[in-house]
C-alpha atoms as a PDB file:
ATOM      1  CA  UNK A   1      10.251  22.549  -3.486  1.00  0.00           C
ATOM      2  CA  UNK A   2       6.735  21.551  -4.493  1.00  0.00           C
ATOM      3  CA  UNK A   3       5.696  17.937  -5.094  1.00  0.00           C
ATOM      4  CA  UNK A   4       3.366  16.816  -7.851  1.00  0.00           C
ATOM      5  CA  UNK A   5       0.771  14.612  -6.175  1.00  0.00           C
ATOM      6  CA  UNK A   6      -1.745  12.285  -7.855  1.00  0.00           C
ATOM      7  CA  UNK A   7      -4.992  12.036  -5.874  1.00  0.00           C
ATOM      8  CA  UNK A   8      -7.686   9.468  -6.667  1.00  0.00           C
ATOM      9  CA  UNK A   9     -10.224   9.545  -3.825  1.00  0.00           C
ATOM     10  CA  UNK A  10     -11.450  11.820  -1.053  1.00  0.00           C
ATOM     11  CA  UNK A  11      -8.816  14.488  -1.799  1.00  0.00           C
ATOM     12  CA  UNK A  12     -10.191  15.172  -5.298  1.00  0.00           C
ATOM     13  CA  UNK A  13     -12.142  18.345  -6.048  1.00  0.00           C
ATOM     14  CA  UNK A  14     -15.681  18.149  -4.710  1.00  0.00           C
ATOM     15  CA  UNK A  15     -14.882  15.341  -2.267  1.00  0.00           C
ATOM     16  CA  UNK A  16     -15.007  15.397   1.535  1.00  0.00           C
ATOM     17  CA  UNK A  17     -11.269  15.816   2.211  1.00  0.00           C
ATOM     18  CA  UNK A  18     -10.446  18.204  -0.612  1.00  0.00           C
ATOM     19  CA  UNK A  19     -10.018  21.030   1.912  1.00  0.00           C
ATOM     20  CA  UNK A  20      -6.511  19.619   2.551  1.00  0.00           C
ATOM     21  CA  UNK A  21      -5.616  20.738  -1.000  1.00  0.00           C
ATOM     22  CA  UNK A  22      -7.719  23.904  -1.196  1.00  0.00           C
ATOM     23  CA  UNK A  23      -4.733  26.287  -1.063  1.00  0.00           C
ATOM     24  CA  UNK A  24      -2.643  24.192  -3.485  1.00  0.00           C
ATOM     25  CA  UNK A  25      -2.491  24.326  -7.297  1.00  0.00           C
ATOM     26  CA  UNK A  26      -4.568  22.027  -9.497  1.00  0.00           C
ATOM     27  CA  UNK A  27      -2.406  20.909 -12.428  1.00  0.00           C
ATOM     28  CA  UNK A  28      -4.790  18.661 -14.336  1.00  0.00           C
ATOM     29  CA  UNK A  29      -6.802  15.489 -14.726  1.00  0.00           C
ATOM     30  CA  UNK A  30      -4.670  12.376 -15.021  1.00  0.00           C
ATOM     31  CA  UNK A  31      -4.653   8.603 -15.397  1.00  0.00           C
ATOM     32  CA  UNK A  32      -2.128   6.066 -14.174  1.00  0.00           C
ATOM     33  CA  UNK A  33      -0.535   3.692 -16.598  1.00  0.00           C
ATOM     34  CA  UNK A  34      -2.222   0.269 -16.728  1.00  0.00           C
ATOM     35  CA  UNK A  35      -1.456  -1.942 -13.750  1.00  0.00           C
ATOM     36  CA  UNK A  36      -3.321  -0.068 -10.990  1.00  0.00           C
ATOM     37  CA  UNK A  37      -6.772  -0.468  -9.457  1.00  0.00           C
ATOM     38  CA  UNK A  38      -8.776   1.049  -6.606  1.00  0.00           C
ATOM     39  CA  UNK A  39      -9.986  -1.019  -3.645  1.00  0.00           C
ATOM     40  CA  UNK A  40     -12.644  -0.333  -1.013  1.00  0.00           C
ATOM     41  CA  UNK A  41     -11.014   0.488   2.313  1.00  0.00           C
ATOM     42  CA  UNK A  42     -14.309   1.317   4.006  1.00  0.00           C
ATOM     43  CA  UNK A  43     -15.568   4.743   2.967  1.00  0.00           C
ATOM     44  CA  UNK A  44     -12.509   5.615   0.906  1.00  0.00           C
ATOM     45  CA  UNK A  45     -10.462   3.983  -1.839  1.00  0.00           C
ATOM     46  CA  UNK A  46      -6.934   2.659  -1.789  1.00  0.00           C
ATOM     47  CA  UNK A  47      -4.662   2.480  -4.830  1.00  0.00           C
ATOM     48  CA  UNK A  48      -2.733  -0.720  -5.475  1.00  0.00           C
ATOM     49  CA  UNK A  49      -0.621  -2.224  -8.227  1.00  0.00           C
ATOM     50  CA  UNK A  50      -2.486  -5.108  -9.888  1.00  0.00           C
ATOM     51  CA  UNK A  51      -0.960  -6.893 -12.857  1.00  0.00           C
ATOM     52  CA  UNK A  52      -4.242  -7.509 -14.698  1.00  0.00           C
ATOM     53  CA  UNK A  53      -5.612  -3.935 -14.418  1.00  0.00           C
ATOM     54  CA  UNK A  54      -5.790  -2.848 -18.047  1.00  0.00           C
ATOM     55  CA  UNK A  55      -7.182   0.695 -17.743  1.00  0.00           C
ATOM     56  CA  UNK A  56      -5.251   2.454 -14.991  1.00  0.00           C
ATOM     57  CA  UNK A  57      -6.887   4.750 -12.428  1.00  0.00           C
ATOM     58  CA  UNK A  58      -8.289   8.237 -13.026  1.00  0.00           C
ATOM     59  CA  UNK A  59      -7.528  11.133 -10.708  1.00  0.00           C
ATOM     60  CA  UNK A  60      -6.031  14.594 -10.443  1.00  0.00           C
ATOM     61  CA  UNK A  61      -2.511  16.002 -10.218  1.00  0.00           C
ATOM     62  CA  UNK A  62      -1.828  18.804  -7.732  1.00  0.00           C
ATOM     63  CA  UNK A  63       1.274  20.872  -7.044  1.00  0.00           C
ATOM     64  CA  UNK A  64       1.697  20.671  -3.271  1.00  0.00           C
ATOM     65  CA  UNK A  65       4.022  22.854  -1.199  1.00  0.00           C
ATOM     66  CA  UNK A  66       6.210  21.321   1.549  1.00  0.00           C
ATOM     67  CA  UNK A  67       3.917  22.394   4.419  1.00  0.00           C
ATOM     68  CA  UNK A  68       0.850  20.891   2.732  1.00  0.00           C
ATOM     69  CA  UNK A  69       2.826  17.714   1.939  1.00  0.00           C
ATOM     70  CA  UNK A  70       3.726  17.334   5.630  1.00  0.00           C
ATOM     71  CA  UNK A  71       0.070  17.875   6.595  1.00  0.00           C
ATOM     72  CA  UNK A  72      -1.074  15.324   4.010  1.00  0.00           C
ATOM     73  CA  UNK A  73       1.495  12.803   5.241  1.00  0.00           C
ATOM     74  CA  UNK A  74       0.038  13.253   8.727  1.00  0.00           C
ATOM     75  CA  UNK A  75      -3.545  13.027   7.456  1.00  0.00           C
ATOM     76  CA  UNK A  76      -2.766   9.834   5.505  1.00  0.00           C
ATOM     77  CA  UNK A  77      -1.019   8.233   8.488  1.00  0.00           C
ATOM     78  CA  UNK A  78       2.399   7.829   6.866  1.00  0.00           C
ATOM     79  CA  UNK A  79       4.262   7.831  10.207  1.00  0.00           C
ATOM     80  CA  UNK A  80       1.807   5.272  11.609  1.00  0.00           C
ATOM     81  CA  UNK A  81       2.396   2.958   8.646  1.00  0.00           C
ATOM     82  CA  UNK A  82      -1.118   3.255   7.190  1.00  0.00           C
ATOM     83  CA  UNK A  83      -0.014   4.744   3.862  1.00  0.00           C
ATOM     84  CA  UNK A  84       3.248   5.351   2.082  1.00  0.00           C
ATOM     85  CA  UNK A  85       3.916   8.115  -0.415  1.00  0.00           C
ATOM     86  CA  UNK A  86       5.784   7.021  -3.520  1.00  0.00           C
ATOM     87  CA  UNK A  87       6.180   7.516  -7.263  1.00  0.00           C
ATOM     88  CA  UNK A  88       3.298   6.666  -9.587  1.00  0.00           C
ATOM     89  CA  UNK A  89       3.627   6.296 -13.372  1.00  0.00           C
ATOM     90  CA  UNK A  90       1.053   8.378 -15.232  1.00  0.00           C
ATOM     91  CA  UNK A  91       0.036   8.628 -18.857  1.00  0.00           C
ATOM     92  CA  UNK A  92       0.723  11.746 -20.951  1.00  0.00           C
ATOM     93  CA  UNK A  93       0.973  14.616 -20.336  1.00  0.00           C
ATOM     94  CA  UNK A  94       2.500  13.531 -17.004  1.00  0.00           C
ATOM     95  CA  UNK A  95       4.472  10.545 -18.333  1.00  0.00           C
ATOM     96  CA  UNK A  96       7.843  12.316 -18.175  1.00  0.00           C
ATOM     97  CA  UNK A  97       7.555  14.051 -14.782  1.00  0.00           C
ATOM     98  CA  UNK A  98       7.952  12.766 -11.230  1.00  0.00           C
ATOM     99  CA  UNK A  99       4.522  12.403  -9.598  1.00  0.00           C
ATOM    100  CA  UNK A 100       3.778  10.792  -6.236  1.00  0.00           C
ATOM    101  CA  UNK A 101       0.677   9.168  -4.751  1.00  0.00           C
ATOM    102  CA  UNK A 102      -0.413   7.682  -1.443  1.00  0.00           C
ATOM    103  CA  UNK A 103      -0.531   3.881  -1.376  1.00  0.00           C
ATOM    104  CA  UNK A 104      -2.184   2.002   1.496  1.00  0.00           C
ATOM    105  CA  UNK A 105       0.161  -0.421   3.196  1.00  0.00           C
ATOM    106  CA  UNK A 106      -2.739  -2.868   3.662  1.00  0.00           C
ATOM    107  CA  UNK A 107      -2.731  -5.842   1.279  1.00  0.00           C
ATOM    108  CA  UNK A 108      -5.683  -5.433  -1.127  1.00  0.00           C
ATOM    109  CA  UNK A 109      -6.208  -9.202  -1.451  1.00  0.00           C
ATOM    110  CA  UNK A 110      -9.809 -10.011  -0.592  1.00  0.00           C
ATOM    111  CA  UNK A 111     -10.966  -6.378  -0.721  1.00  0.00           C
ATOM    112  CA  UNK A 112     -13.748  -5.295  -3.064  1.00  0.00           C
ATOM    113  CA  UNK A 113     -12.432  -3.780  -6.292  1.00  0.00           C
ATOM    114  CA  UNK A 114     -13.681  -0.312  -7.158  1.00  0.00           C
ATOM    115  CA  UNK A 115     -12.224  -0.399 -10.652  1.00  0.00           C
ATOM    116  CA  UNK A 116     -10.513   2.587 -12.201  1.00  0.00           C
ATOM    117  CA  UNK A 117     -12.390   5.562 -10.729  1.00  0.00           C
ATOM    118  CA  UNK A 118     -14.020   6.693  -7.496  1.00  0.00           C
ATOM    119  CA  UNK A 119     -16.566   9.312  -6.562  1.00  0.00           C
ATOM    120  CA  UNK A 120     -18.392  10.155  -3.367  1.00  0.00           C
END
């Protein structure tokens, strides 16, 4: 069964790691609900819940097959504890469907905020 995945950084179209999604299906542009912000993790962003983030984060939703999901979990370092994949609340038209995103395990406190969008 495919997973809907929200991407917000280097996996987006036109970015350096998009090739990991090249054979998957682009569903549409998306934005998280308020309460999320991007942080600088050194060459790539990390998504974190932040109570005072009023705008949410922009990104893309992709339909990802199980093999690609396993490869992305490996790429993101899920088994090593670098990232975790979990549900993310999005605004319409994705507000009523289950969508997941990769969240860095690292505490964002003290990291530079990148705001609500990222581009290379």
